[in-house]
């Protein structure tokens, strides 16, 4: 029988050991949302948040309840643009990256 590893554990380890991968997750999440694939973008963002700052600390930093943040990025979540961009702005600042829209 093959040994398997939990996907979230694999992501967490990779995020903690590979800064390029961590930044790519954030970029891909935003790109998916801008391309209209909100479900995938939210799922990637949820994985990114869980693997990095966590919803509790993100809530403290953005003055939002952790449960509200979790709902925003849940499969049925529908984040307001203001909240979404505030969170993206905070996360990109923490990563020390810029995001730009290209043709």
PDB file of N, CA and C in Angstrom:
ATOM      1  N   UNK A   1       0.842  -1.177   0.000  1.00  0.00           N
ATOM      2  CA  UNK A   1       0.000   0.000   0.000  1.00  0.00           C
ATOM      3  C   UNK A   1       0.893   1.250   0.000  1.00  0.00           C
ATOM      4  N   UNK A   2       0.561   2.181  -0.849  1.00  0.00           N
ATOM      5  CA  UNK A   2       1.341   3.412  -0.968  1.00  0.00           C
ATOM      6  C   UNK A   2       1.069   4.329   0.222  1.00  0.00           C
ATOM      7  N   UNK A   3       2.103   4.994   0.653  1.00  0.00           N
ATOM      8  CA  UNK A   3       1.940   5.980   1.715  1.00  0.00           C
ATOM      9  C   UNK A   3       1.449   7.280   1.099  1.00  0.00           C
ATOM     10  N   UNK A   4       0.453   7.865   1.705  1.00  0.00           N
ATOM     11  CA  UNK A   4      -0.061   9.139   1.211  1.00  0.00           C
ATOM     12  C   UNK A   4       0.095  10.184   2.297  1.00  0.00           C
ATOM     13  N   UNK A   5       0.068  11.401   1.855  1.00  0.00           N
ATOM     14  CA  UNK A   5       0.225  12.516   2.774  1.00  0.00           C
ATOM     15  C   UNK A   5      -0.937  13.474   2.579  1.00  0.00           C
ATOM     16  N   UNK A   6      -1.417  14.041   3.634  1.00  0.00           N
ATOM     17  CA  UNK A   6      -2.511  14.991   3.551  1.00  0.00           C
ATOM     18  C   UNK A   6      -2.096  16.188   2.695  1.00  0.00           C
ATOM     19  N   UNK A   7      -2.972  16.584   1.791  1.00  0.00           N
ATOM     20  CA  UNK A   7      -2.689  17.695   0.878  1.00  0.00           C
ATOM     21  C   UNK A   7      -2.348  18.969   1.643  1.00  0.00           C
ATOM     22  N   UNK A   8      -3.125  19.273   2.665  1.00  0.00           N
ATOM     23  CA  UNK A   8      -2.890  20.503   3.429  1.00  0.00           C
ATOM     24  C   UNK A   8      -1.540  20.470   4.137  1.00  0.00           C
ATOM     25  N   UNK A   9      -1.127  19.307   4.614  1.00  0.00           N
ATOM     26  CA  UNK A   9       0.199  19.185   5.228  1.00  0.00           C
ATOM     27  C   UNK A   9       1.292  19.455   4.199  1.00  0.00           C
ATOM     28  N   UNK A  10       1.099  18.935   3.004  1.00  0.00           N
ATOM     29  CA  UNK A  10       2.073  19.135   1.932  1.00  0.00           C
ATOM     30  C   UNK A  10       2.182  20.615   1.585  1.00  0.00           C
ATOM     31  N   UNK A  11       1.038  21.276   1.446  1.00  0.00           N
ATOM     32  CA  UNK A  11       1.027  22.713   1.136  1.00  0.00           C
ATOM     33  C   UNK A  11       1.708  23.490   2.259  1.00  0.00           C
ATOM     34  N   UNK A  12       1.364  23.174   3.506  1.00  0.00           N
ATOM     35  CA  UNK A  12       1.943  23.880   4.650  1.00  0.00           C
ATOM     36  C   UNK A  12       3.464  23.755   4.661  1.00  0.00           C
ATOM     37  N   UNK A  13       3.964  22.562   4.453  1.00  0.00           N
ATOM     38  CA  UNK A  13       5.414  22.371   4.442  1.00  0.00           C
ATOM     39  C   UNK A  13       6.066  23.157   3.311  1.00  0.00           C
ATOM     40  N   UNK A  14       5.461  23.097   2.135  1.00  0.00           N
ATOM     41  CA  UNK A  14       6.036  23.799   0.979  1.00  0.00           C
ATOM     42  C   UNK A  14       6.010  25.314   1.184  1.00  0.00           C
ATOM     43  N   UNK A  15       4.925  25.823   1.732  1.00  0.00           N
ATOM     44  CA  UNK A  15       4.812  27.262   1.997  1.00  0.00           C
ATOM     45  C   UNK A  15       5.895  27.711   2.978  1.00  0.00           C
ATOM     46  N   UNK A  16       6.161  26.879   3.977  1.00  0.00           N
ATOM     47  CA  UNK A  16       7.146  27.237   5.001  1.00  0.00           C
ATOM     48  C   UNK A  16       8.586  27.112   4.527  1.00  0.00           C
ATOM     49  N   UNK A  17       8.819  26.346   3.465  1.00  0.00           N
ATOM     50  CA  UNK A  17      10.196  26.135   3.006  1.00  0.00           C
ATOM     51  C   UNK A  17      10.503  26.786   1.667  1.00  0.00           C
ATOM     52  N   UNK A  18       9.488  27.260   0.970  1.00  0.00           N
ATOM     53  CA  UNK A  18       9.698  27.790  -0.377  1.00  0.00           C
ATOM     54  C   UNK A  18       8.964  29.128  -0.546  1.00  0.00           C
ATOM     55  N   UNK A  19       9.652  30.247  -0.304  1.00  0.00           N
ATOM     56  CA  UNK A  19       9.002  31.563  -0.413  1.00  0.00           C
ATOM     57  C   UNK A  19       8.440  31.847  -1.806  1.00  0.00           C
ATOM     58  N   UNK A  20       9.095  31.345  -2.854  1.00  0.00           N
ATOM     59  CA  UNK A  20       8.583  31.558  -4.214  1.00  0.00           C
ATOM     60  C   UNK A  20       7.234  30.867  -4.393  1.00  0.00           C
ATOM     61  N   UNK A  21       7.107  29.662  -3.858  1.00  0.00           N
ATOM     62  CA  UNK A  21       5.841  28.935  -3.927  1.00  0.00           C
ATOM     63  C   UNK A  21       4.760  29.684  -3.154  1.00  0.00           C
ATOM     64  N   UNK A  22       5.112  30.178  -1.964  1.00  0.00           N
ATOM     65  CA  UNK A  22       4.161  30.913  -1.128  1.00  0.00           C
ATOM     66  C   UNK A  22       3.641  32.146  -1.871  1.00  0.00           C
ATOM     67  N   UNK A  23       4.547  32.899  -2.466  1.00  0.00           N
ATOM     68  CA  UNK A  23       4.133  34.101  -3.211  1.00  0.00           C
ATOM     69  C   UNK A  23       3.314  33.724  -4.448  1.00  0.00           C
ATOM     70  N   UNK A  24       3.676  32.619  -5.089  1.00  0.00           N
ATOM     71  CA  UNK A  24       2.932  32.162  -6.271  1.00  0.00           C
ATOM     72  C   UNK A  24       1.495  31.791  -5.905  1.00  0.00           C
ATOM     73  N   UNK A  25       1.294  31.216  -4.734  1.00  0.00           N
ATOM     74  CA  UNK A  25      -0.070  30.898  -4.292  1.00  0.00           C
ATOM     75  C   UNK A  25      -0.916  32.163  -4.190  1.00  0.00           C
ATOM     76  N   UNK A  26      -0.353  33.188  -3.581  1.00  0.00           N
ATOM     77  CA  UNK A  26      -1.086  34.449  -3.440  1.00  0.00           C
ATOM     78  C   UNK A  26      -1.388  35.048  -4.810  1.00  0.00           C
ATOM     79  N   UNK A  27      -0.391  35.080  -5.665  1.00  0.00           N
ATOM     80  CA  UNK A  27      -0.602  35.631  -7.015  1.00  0.00           C
ATOM     81  C   UNK A  27      -1.660  34.838  -7.781  1.00  0.00           C
ATOM     82  N   UNK A  28      -1.586  33.514  -7.712  1.00  0.00           N
ATOM     83  CA  UNK A  28      -2.538  32.669  -8.441  1.00  0.00           C
ATOM     84  C   UNK A  28      -3.953  32.866  -7.916  1.00  0.00           C
ATOM     85  N   UNK A  29      -4.097  33.013  -6.626  1.00  0.00           N
ATOM     86  CA  UNK A  29      -5.412  33.256  -6.049  1.00  0.00           C
ATOM     87  C   UNK A  29      -6.026  34.529  -6.622  1.00  0.00           C
ATOM     88  N   UNK A  30      -5.250  35.600  -6.600  1.00  0.00           N
ATOM     89  CA  UNK A  30      -5.737  36.887  -7.116  1.00  0.00           C
ATOM     90  C   UNK A  30      -6.012  36.787  -8.612  1.00  0.00           C
ATOM     91  N   UNK A  31      -5.125  36.136  -9.351  1.00  0.00           N
ATOM     92  CA  UNK A  31      -5.313  36.002 -10.798  1.00  0.00           C
ATOM     93  C   UNK A  31      -6.599  35.247 -11.117  1.00  0.00           C
ATOM     94  N   UNK A  32      -6.860  34.169 -10.396  1.00  0.00           N
ATOM     95  CA  UNK A  32      -8.096  33.415 -10.618  1.00  0.00           C
ATOM     96  C   UNK A  32      -9.321  34.293 -10.389  1.00  0.00           C
ATOM     97  N   UNK A  33      -9.302  35.078  -9.321  1.00  0.00           N
ATOM     98  CA  UNK A  33     -10.443  35.954  -9.033  1.00  0.00           C
ATOM     99  C   UNK A  33     -10.613  37.006 -10.117  1.00  0.00           C
ATOM    100  N   UNK A  34      -9.506  37.592 -10.571  1.00  0.00           N
ATOM    101  CA  UNK A  34      -9.592  38.600 -11.633  1.00  0.00           C
ATOM    102  C   UNK A  34     -10.074  38.003 -12.947  1.00  0.00           C
ATOM    103  N   UNK A  35      -9.770  36.726 -13.159  1.00  0.00           N
ATOM    104  CA  UNK A  35     -10.209  36.036 -14.376  1.00  0.00           C
ATOM    105  C   UNK A  35     -11.644  35.539 -14.273  1.00  0.00           C
ATOM    106  N   UNK A  36     -12.289  35.778 -13.135  1.00  0.00           N
ATOM    107  CA  UNK A  36     -13.682  35.384 -12.974  1.00  0.00           C
ATOM    108  C   UNK A  36     -13.887  34.029 -12.337  1.00  0.00           C
ATOM    109  N   UNK A  37     -12.826  33.344 -11.962  1.00  0.00           N
ATOM    110  CA  UNK A  37     -12.945  32.038 -11.317  1.00  0.00           C
ATOM    111  C   UNK A  37     -12.847  32.232  -9.803  1.00  0.00           C
ATOM    112  N   UNK A  38     -13.907  32.775  -9.235  1.00  0.00           N
ATOM    113  CA  UNK A  38     -13.913  33.098  -7.809  1.00  0.00           C
ATOM    114  C   UNK A  38     -13.787  31.860  -6.934  1.00  0.00           C
ATOM    115  N   UNK A  39     -14.417  30.764  -7.330  1.00  0.00           N
ATOM    116  CA  UNK A  39     -14.365  29.565  -6.494  1.00  0.00           C
ATOM    117  C   UNK A  39     -12.935  29.071  -6.315  1.00  0.00           C
ATOM    118  N   UNK A  40     -12.194  28.992  -7.412  1.00  0.00           N
ATOM    119  CA  UNK A  40     -10.803  28.550  -7.327  1.00  0.00           C
ATOM    120  C   UNK A  40      -9.961  29.580  -6.590  1.00  0.00           C
ATOM    121  N   UNK A  41     -10.159  30.849  -6.902  1.00  0.00           N
ATOM    122  CA  UNK A  41      -9.405  31.909  -6.238  1.00  0.00           C
ATOM    123  C   UNK A  41      -9.609  31.912  -4.736  1.00  0.00           C
ATOM    124  N   UNK A  42     -10.860  31.738  -4.299  1.00  0.00           N
ATOM    125  CA  UNK A  42     -11.142  31.708  -2.860  1.00  0.00           C
ATOM    126  C   UNK A  42     -10.530  30.475  -2.208  1.00  0.00           C
ATOM    127  N   UNK A  43     -10.586  29.340  -2.898  1.00  0.00           N
ATOM    128  CA  UNK A  43     -10.014  28.106  -2.342  1.00  0.00           C
ATOM    129  C   UNK A  43      -8.504  28.238  -2.165  1.00  0.00           C
ATOM    130  N   UNK A  44      -7.839  28.800  -3.162  1.00  0.00           N
ATOM    131  CA  UNK A  44      -6.387  28.994  -3.060  1.00  0.00           C
ATOM    132  C   UNK A  44      -6.072  30.003  -1.962  1.00  0.00           C
ATOM    133  N   UNK A  45      -6.852  31.072  -1.882  1.00  0.00           N
ATOM    134  CA  UNK A  45      -6.637  32.077  -0.843  1.00  0.00           C
ATOM    135  C   UNK A  45      -6.830  31.469   0.544  1.00  0.00           C
ATOM    136  N   UNK A  46      -7.843  30.644   0.697  1.00  0.00           N
ATOM    137  CA  UNK A  46      -8.093  29.985   1.983  1.00  0.00           C
ATOM    138  C   UNK A  46      -6.896  29.112   2.378  1.00  0.00           C
ATOM    139  N   UNK A  47      -6.375  28.336   1.414  1.00  0.00           N
ATOM    140  CA  UNK A  47      -5.191  27.513   1.686  1.00  0.00           C
ATOM    141  C   UNK A  47      -3.993  28.386   2.038  1.00  0.00           C
ATOM    142  N   UNK A  48      -3.828  29.486   1.307  1.00  0.00           N
ATOM    143  CA  UNK A  48      -2.713  30.406   1.564  1.00  0.00           C
ATOM    144  C   UNK A  48      -2.806  30.980   2.982  1.00  0.00           C
ATOM    145  N   UNK A  49      -3.981  31.462   3.347  1.00  0.00           N
ATOM    146  CA  UNK A  49      -4.164  32.057   4.677  1.00  0.00           C
ATOM    147  C   UNK A  49      -3.917  31.021   5.769  1.00  0.00           C
ATOM    148  N   UNK A  50      -4.494  29.830   5.606  1.00  0.00           N
ATOM    149  CA  UNK A  50      -4.294  28.778   6.600  1.00  0.00           C
ATOM    150  C   UNK A  50      -2.829  28.405   6.750  1.00  0.00           C
ATOM    151  N   UNK A  51      -2.094  28.413   5.657  1.00  0.00           N
ATOM    152  CA  UNK A  51      -0.691  27.995   5.682  1.00  0.00           C
ATOM    153  C   UNK A  51       0.259  29.105   6.116  1.00  0.00           C
ATOM    154  N   UNK A  52      -0.215  30.345   6.141  1.00  0.00           N
ATOM    155  CA  UNK A  52       0.679  31.456   6.487  1.00  0.00           C
ATOM    156  C   UNK A  52       0.222  32.125   7.780  1.00  0.00           C
ATOM    157  N   UNK A  53      -0.540  33.158   7.675  1.00  0.00           N
ATOM    158  CA  UNK A  53      -0.906  33.990   8.824  1.00  0.00           C
ATOM    159  C   UNK A  53      -1.996  33.381   9.697  1.00  0.00           C
ATOM    160  N   UNK A  54      -2.898  32.620   9.125  1.00  0.00           N
ATOM    161  CA  UNK A  54      -4.045  32.081   9.853  1.00  0.00           C
ATOM    162  C   UNK A  54      -5.167  33.108   9.934  1.00  0.00           C
ATOM    163  N   UNK A  55      -6.391  32.624  10.053  1.00  0.00           N
ATOM    164  CA  UNK A  55      -7.548  33.521  10.054  1.00  0.00           C
ATOM    165  C   UNK A  55      -7.633  34.370  11.322  1.00  0.00           C
ATOM    166  N   UNK A  56      -7.184  33.839  12.448  1.00  0.00           N
ATOM    167  CA  UNK A  56      -7.251  34.613  13.694  1.00  0.00           C
ATOM    168  C   UNK A  56      -6.357  35.850  13.612  1.00  0.00           C
ATOM    169  N   UNK A  57      -5.110  35.658  13.229  1.00  0.00           N
ATOM    170  CA  UNK A  57      -4.188  36.798  13.154  1.00  0.00           C
ATOM    171  C   UNK A  57      -4.582  37.755  12.028  1.00  0.00           C
ATOM    172  N   UNK A  58      -5.041  37.212  10.890  1.00  0.00           N
ATOM    173  CA  UNK A  58      -5.495  38.075   9.801  1.00  0.00           C
ATOM    174  C   UNK A  58      -6.660  38.936  10.272  1.00  0.00           C
ATOM    175  N   UNK A  59      -7.558  38.350  11.056  1.00  0.00           N
ATOM    176  CA  UNK A  59      -8.678  39.109  11.610  1.00  0.00           C
ATOM    177  C   UNK A  59      -8.212  40.245  12.503  1.00  0.00           C
ATOM    178  N   UNK A  60      -7.205  39.959  13.330  1.00  0.00           N
ATOM    179  CA  UNK A  60      -6.658  41.004  14.205  1.00  0.00           C
ATOM    180  C   UNK A  60      -6.046  42.138  13.381  1.00  0.00           C
ATOM    181  N   UNK A  61      -5.319  41.782  12.346  1.00  0.00           N
ATOM    182  CA  UNK A  61      -4.615  42.780  11.538  1.00  0.00           C
ATOM    183  C   UNK A  61      -5.556  43.603  10.662  1.00  0.00           C
ATOM    184  N   UNK A  62      -6.683  43.003  10.249  1.00  0.00           N
ATOM    185  CA  UNK A  62      -7.617  43.694   9.356  1.00  0.00           C
ATOM    186  C   UNK A  62      -8.881  44.164  10.080  1.00  0.00           C
ATOM    187  N   UNK A  63      -8.942  43.938  11.384  1.00  0.00           N
ATOM    188  CA  UNK A  63     -10.092  44.333  12.201  1.00  0.00           C
ATOM    189  C   UNK A  63     -11.380  43.672  11.719  1.00  0.00           C
ATOM    190  N   UNK A  64     -11.264  42.388  11.384  1.00  0.00           N
ATOM    191  CA  UNK A  64     -12.422  41.602  10.959  1.00  0.00           C
ATOM    192  C   UNK A  64     -12.477  40.343  11.822  1.00  0.00           C
ATOM    193  N   UNK A  65     -13.665  39.851  12.042  1.00  0.00           N
ATOM    194  CA  UNK A  65     -13.820  38.625  12.818  1.00  0.00           C
ATOM    195  C   UNK A  65     -13.283  37.431  12.018  1.00  0.00           C
ATOM    196  N   UNK A  66     -12.505  36.555  12.650  1.00  0.00           N
ATOM    197  CA  UNK A  66     -11.984  35.382  11.937  1.00  0.00           C
ATOM    198  C   UNK A  66     -13.083  34.548  11.275  1.00  0.00           C
ATOM    199  N   UNK A  67     -14.218  34.385  11.960  1.00  0.00           N
ATOM    200  CA  UNK A  67     -15.326  33.609  11.378  1.00  0.00           C
ATOM    201  C   UNK A  67     -15.851  34.276  10.111  1.00  0.00           C
ATOM    202  N   UNK A  68     -15.902  35.604  10.101  1.00  0.00           N
ATOM    203  CA  UNK A  68     -16.349  36.325   8.902  1.00  0.00           C
ATOM    204  C   UNK A  68     -15.372  36.107   7.755  1.00  0.00           C
ATOM    205  N   UNK A  69     -14.079  36.131   8.068  1.00  0.00           N
ATOM    206  CA  UNK A  69     -13.065  35.886   7.036  1.00  0.00           C
ATOM    207  C   UNK A  69     -13.190  34.468   6.492  1.00  0.00           C
ATOM    208  N   UNK A  70     -13.403  33.511   7.382  1.00  0.00           N
ATOM    209  CA  UNK A  70     -13.564  32.119   6.937  1.00  0.00           C
ATOM    210  C   UNK A  70     -14.769  31.985   6.018  1.00  0.00           C
ATOM    211  N   UNK A  71     -15.869  32.652   6.376  1.00  0.00           N
ATOM    212  CA  UNK A  71     -17.063  32.608   5.518  1.00  0.00           C
ATOM    213  C   UNK A  71     -16.798  33.251   4.164  1.00  0.00           C
ATOM    214  N   UNK A  72     -16.057  34.376   4.161  1.00  0.00           N
ATOM    215  CA  UNK A  72     -15.757  35.066   2.904  1.00  0.00           C
ATOM    216  C   UNK A  72     -15.082  34.136   1.909  1.00  0.00           C
ATOM    217  N   UNK A  73     -14.169  33.301   2.405  1.00  0.00           N
ATOM    218  CA  UNK A  73     -13.395  32.439   1.520  1.00  0.00           C
ATOM    219  C   UNK A  73     -13.908  31.007   1.483  1.00  0.00           C
ATOM    220  N   UNK A  74     -15.109  30.785   2.014  1.00  0.00           N
ATOM    221  CA  UNK A  74     -15.731  29.467   1.932  1.00  0.00           C
ATOM    222  C   UNK A  74     -16.322  29.289   0.530  1.00  0.00           C
ATOM    223  N   UNK A  75     -16.655  28.060   0.152  1.00  0.00           N
ATOM    224  CA  UNK A  75     -17.229  27.839  -1.187  1.00  0.00           C
ATOM    225  C   UNK A  75     -18.469  28.689  -1.474  1.00  0.00           C
ATOM    226  N   UNK A  76     -19.274  28.967  -0.455  1.00  0.00           N
ATOM    227  CA  UNK A  76     -20.477  29.782  -0.660  1.00  0.00           C
ATOM    228  C   UNK A  76     -20.257  31.249  -0.319  1.00  0.00           C
ATOM    229  N   UNK A  77     -19.057  31.604   0.086  1.00  0.00           N
ATOM    230  CA  UNK A  77     -18.755  32.979   0.473  1.00  0.00           C
ATOM    231  C   UNK A  77     -18.834  33.937  -0.704  1.00  0.00           C
ATOM    232  N   UNK A  78     -19.248  35.157  -0.403  1.00  0.00           N
ATOM    233  CA  UNK A  78     -19.372  36.187  -1.427  1.00  0.00           C
ATOM    234  C   UNK A  78     -18.796  37.489  -0.866  1.00  0.00           C
ATOM    235  N   UNK A  79     -17.453  37.589  -0.838  1.00  0.00           N
ATOM    236  CA  UNK A  79     -16.839  38.760  -0.198  1.00  0.00           C
ATOM    237  C   UNK A  79     -17.137  40.056  -0.944  1.00  0.00           C
ATOM    238  N   UNK A  80     -17.356  41.115  -0.177  1.00  0.00           N
ATOM    239  CA  UNK A  80     -17.500  42.436  -0.780  1.00  0.00           C
ATOM    240  C   UNK A  80     -16.138  42.857  -1.318  1.00  0.00           C
ATOM    241  N   UNK A  81     -16.151  43.597  -2.408  1.00  0.00           N
ATOM    242  CA  UNK A  81     -14.899  44.031  -3.041  1.00  0.00           C
ATOM    243  C   UNK A  81     -14.009  44.783  -2.057  1.00  0.00           C
ATOM    244  N   UNK A  82     -14.588  45.653  -1.262  1.00  0.00           N
ATOM    245  CA  UNK A  82     -13.803  46.438  -0.299  1.00  0.00           C
ATOM    246  C   UNK A  82     -13.043  45.516   0.658  1.00  0.00           C
ATOM    247  N   UNK A  83     -13.736  44.528   1.203  1.00  0.00           N
ATOM    248  CA  UNK A  83     -13.098  43.594   2.132  1.00  0.00           C
ATOM    249  C   UNK A  83     -12.038  42.751   1.434  1.00  0.00           C
ATOM    250  N   UNK A  84     -12.362  42.277   0.258  1.00  0.00           N
ATOM    251  CA  UNK A  84     -11.434  41.437  -0.492  1.00  0.00           C
ATOM    252  C   UNK A  84     -10.145  42.188  -0.811  1.00  0.00           C
ATOM    253  N   UNK A  85     -10.268  43.406  -1.310  1.00  0.00           N
ATOM    254  CA  UNK A  85      -9.073  44.171  -1.670  1.00  0.00           C
ATOM    255  C   UNK A  85      -8.279  44.609  -0.441  1.00  0.00           C
ATOM    256  N   UNK A  86      -8.969  44.848   0.657  1.00  0.00           N
ATOM    257  CA  UNK A  86      -8.257  45.180   1.897  1.00  0.00           C
ATOM    258  C   UNK A  86      -7.394  43.993   2.352  1.00  0.00           C
ATOM    259  N   UNK A  87      -7.943  42.810   2.259  1.00  0.00           N
ATOM    260  CA  UNK A  87      -7.205  41.606   2.651  1.00  0.00           C
ATOM    261  C   UNK A  87      -6.046  41.355   1.700  1.00  0.00           C
ATOM    262  N   UNK A  88      -6.299  41.474   0.402  1.00  0.00           N
ATOM    263  CA  UNK A  88      -5.230  41.283  -0.582  1.00  0.00           C
ATOM    264  C   UNK A  88      -4.119  42.301  -0.355  1.00  0.00           C
ATOM    265  N   UNK A  89      -4.479  43.549  -0.105  1.00  0.00           N
ATOM    266  CA  UNK A  89      -3.470  44.592   0.135  1.00  0.00           C
ATOM    267  C   UNK A  89      -2.612  44.247   1.345  1.00  0.00           C
ATOM    268  N   UNK A  90      -3.243  43.784   2.414  1.00  0.00           N
ATOM    269  CA  UNK A  90      -2.483  43.425   3.606  1.00  0.00           C
ATOM    270  C   UNK A  90      -1.549  42.247   3.315  1.00  0.00           C
ATOM    271  N   UNK A  91      -2.068  41.209   2.658  1.00  0.00           N
ATOM    272  CA  UNK A  91      -1.260  40.011   2.406  1.00  0.00           C
ATOM    273  C   UNK A  91      -0.093  40.297   1.467  1.00  0.00           C
ATOM    274  N   UNK A  92      -0.324  41.088   0.435  1.00  0.00           N
ATOM    275  CA  UNK A  92       0.781  41.387  -0.489  1.00  0.00           C
ATOM    276  C   UNK A  92       1.843  42.241   0.192  1.00  0.00           C
ATOM    277  N   UNK A  93       1.412  43.126   1.085  1.00  0.00           N
ATOM    278  CA  UNK A  93       2.380  43.925   1.844  1.00  0.00           C
ATOM    279  C   UNK A  93       3.218  43.015   2.740  1.00  0.00           C
ATOM    280  N   UNK A  94       2.573  42.055   3.389  1.00  0.00           N
ATOM    281  CA  UNK A  94       3.293  41.113   4.247  1.00  0.00           C
ATOM    282  C   UNK A  94       4.293  40.277   3.455  1.00  0.00           C
ATOM    283  N   UNK A  95       3.928  39.932   2.232  1.00  0.00           N
ATOM    284  CA  UNK A  95       4.818  39.139   1.371  1.00  0.00           C
ATOM    285  C   UNK A  95       5.901  40.000   0.740  1.00  0.00           C
ATOM    286  N   UNK A  96       5.679  41.309   0.723  1.00  0.00           N
ATOM    287  CA  UNK A  96       6.647  42.195   0.092  1.00  0.00           C
ATOM    288  C   UNK A  96       6.615  42.108  -1.422  1.00  0.00           C
ATOM    289  N   UNK A  97       5.411  41.887  -1.956  1.00  0.00           N
ATOM    290  CA  UNK A  97       5.271  41.776  -3.411  1.00  0.00           C
ATOM    291  C   UNK A  97       4.305  42.835  -3.921  1.00  0.00           C
ATOM    292  N   UNK A  98       4.383  43.083  -5.205  1.00  0.00           N
ATOM    293  CA  UNK A  98       3.427  43.936  -5.887  1.00  0.00           C
ATOM    294  C   UNK A  98       2.640  43.081  -6.859  1.00  0.00           C
ATOM    295  N   UNK A  99       1.453  43.479  -7.135  1.00  0.00           N
ATOM    296  CA  UNK A  99       0.620  42.788  -8.115  1.00  0.00           C
ATOM    297  C   UNK A  99       0.202  43.802  -9.157  1.00  0.00           C
ATOM    298  N   UNK A 100       0.244  43.398 -10.412  1.00  0.00           N
ATOM    299  CA  UNK A 100      -0.201  44.298 -11.466  1.00  0.00           C
ATOM    300  C   UNK A 100      -0.974  43.510 -12.505  1.00  0.00           C
ATOM    301  N   UNK A 101      -1.852  44.211 -13.178  1.00  0.00           N
ATOM    302  CA  UNK A 101      -2.661  43.604 -14.224  1.00  0.00           C
ATOM    303  C   UNK A 101      -1.934  43.796 -15.542  1.00  0.00           C
ATOM    304  N   UNK A 102      -1.764  42.714 -16.259  1.00  0.00           N
ATOM    305  CA  UNK A 102      -1.086  42.761 -17.560  1.00  0.00           C
ATOM    306  C   UNK A 102      -2.055  42.302 -18.638  1.00  0.00           C
ATOM    307  N   UNK A 103      -1.825  42.783 -19.841  1.00  0.00           N
ATOM    308  CA  UNK A 103      -2.652  42.353 -20.976  1.00  0.00           C
ATOM    309  C   UNK A 103      -2.260  40.975 -21.411  1.00  0.00           C
TER     310      UNK A 103
END
